Protein backbone atom coordinates (compact mmCIF):
# COMPACT_ATOMS: atom_id res chain seq x y z
CA UNK A 1 -100.59 66.47 -0.99
CA UNK A 2 -99.83 69.46 0.95
CA UNK A 3 -103.06 70.45 0.95
CA UNK A 4 -104.69 67.30 2.10
CA UNK A 5 -101.85 67.69 4.93
CA UNK A 6 -102.80 71.25 5.86
CA UNK A 7 -105.87 70.17 7.47
CA UNK A 8 -103.56 69.39 10.55
CA UNK A 9 -104.38 65.51 10.91
CA UNK A 10 -101.29 63.42 10.53
CA UNK A 11 -101.61 60.74 7.63
CA UNK A 12 -100.07 57.72 6.58
CA UNK A 13 -98.52 57.43 3.21
CA UNK A 14 -101.35 54.66 2.54
CA UNK A 15 -104.18 56.93 3.47
CA UNK A 16 -102.67 59.93 1.29
CA UNK A 17 -102.31 56.95 -1.60
CA UNK A 18 -105.93 56.39 -1.55
CA UNK A 19 -106.84 59.76 -1.58
CA UNK A 20 -104.86 60.39 -4.71
CA UNK A 21 -105.24 56.92 -6.26
CA UNK A 22 -101.67 56.33 -6.28
CA UNK A 23 -99.43 53.52 -5.41
CA UNK A 24 -97.73 53.49 -1.80
CA UNK A 25 -94.23 53.87 -3.41
CA UNK A 26 -95.17 56.80 -5.46
CA UNK A 27 -96.73 58.40 -2.41
CA UNK A 28 -93.81 57.54 -0.31
CA UNK A 29 -91.23 59.07 -2.83
CA UNK A 30 -93.04 62.30 -2.84
CA UNK A 31 -93.38 62.22 0.95
CA UNK A 32 -89.45 61.73 1.13
CA UNK A 33 -89.10 64.65 -0.95
CA UNK A 34 -91.23 66.77 1.06
CA UNK A 35 -89.61 65.53 4.17
CA UNK A 36 -86.02 66.21 3.07
CA UNK A 37 -87.37 70.00 2.11
CA UNK A 38 -88.43 70.27 5.73
CA UNK A 39 -92.02 70.66 4.87
CA UNK A 40 -93.47 67.55 6.46
CA UNK A 41 -92.56 65.71 9.74
CA UNK A 42 -92.57 61.94 10.25
CA UNK A 43 -93.65 60.06 13.20
CA UNK A 44 -93.47 56.30 13.49
CA UNK A 45 -96.45 54.51 15.62
CA UNK A 46 -95.47 50.90 15.51
CA UNK A 47 -95.12 49.88 11.67
CA UNK A 48 -97.20 53.00 10.74
CA UNK A 49 -95.52 56.08 9.49
CA UNK A 50 -97.51 59.19 9.86
CA UNK A 51 -96.80 62.63 8.31
CA UNK A 52 -97.61 66.08 9.48
CA UNK A 53 -97.27 69.56 7.58
CA UNK A 54 -94.89 71.73 9.21
CA UNK A 55 -96.68 75.06 8.81
CA UNK A 56 -94.00 77.07 9.92
CA UNK A 57 -91.55 75.77 7.26
CA UNK A 58 -94.38 76.20 4.49
CA UNK A 59 -94.69 79.99 5.64
CA UNK A 60 -90.90 80.08 5.20
CA UNK A 61 -91.05 78.68 1.73
CA UNK A 62 -93.92 80.96 0.75
CA UNK A 63 -92.06 83.90 1.77
CA UNK A 64 -89.01 82.93 -0.27
CA UNK A 65 -91.04 82.18 -3.16
CA UNK A 66 -92.82 85.69 -2.99
CA UNK A 67 -89.39 87.50 -2.78
CA UNK A 68 -88.21 85.53 -5.80
CA UNK A 69 -91.45 86.12 -7.61
CA UNK A 70 -91.17 89.78 -7.03
CA UNK A 71 -87.68 90.02 -8.27
CA UNK A 72 -87.90 87.74 -11.32
CA UNK A 73 -91.41 89.83 -12.26
CA UNK A 74 -89.41 93.04 -11.92
CA UNK A 75 -86.35 91.74 -13.75
CA UNK A 76 -89.00 90.49 -16.81
CA UNK A 77 -90.79 93.69 -16.73
CA UNK A 78 -87.52 95.70 -17.21
CA UNK A 79 -86.45 93.50 -19.87
CA UNK A 80 -89.67 94.01 -21.80
CA UNK A 81 -89.40 97.93 -21.41
CA UNK A 82 -85.77 97.72 -22.85
CA UNK A 83 -87.07 95.58 -25.94
CA UNK A 84 -90.13 97.92 -26.55
CA UNK A 85 -87.83 100.78 -26.73
CA UNK A 86 -86.64 101.97 -30.42
CA UNK A 87 -83.14 101.04 -30.97
CA UNK A 88 -80.47 103.66 -30.52
CA UNK A 89 -78.07 103.83 -33.49
CA UNK A 90 -74.52 104.48 -32.79
CA UNK A 91 -73.37 107.43 -34.83
């Protein structure tokens, strides 16, 4: 859904539902999650709600994910090295 919105054109829940072969309530639930996360912005044109991706928020999320991914990869690597070492016996 983010990829579909990334093209820059605002889309309605119905348009997105047809693209993903999903019912409109399902698409609306997904859009509400993205909206609460600040990743999409809703505009209302009469009875039609259109959604647009908030590029800056997506970049912020990408940065947050990259930082946490680096942290956890480092932690897993250290843990792997720790378990790869021969056990030290207490005397």
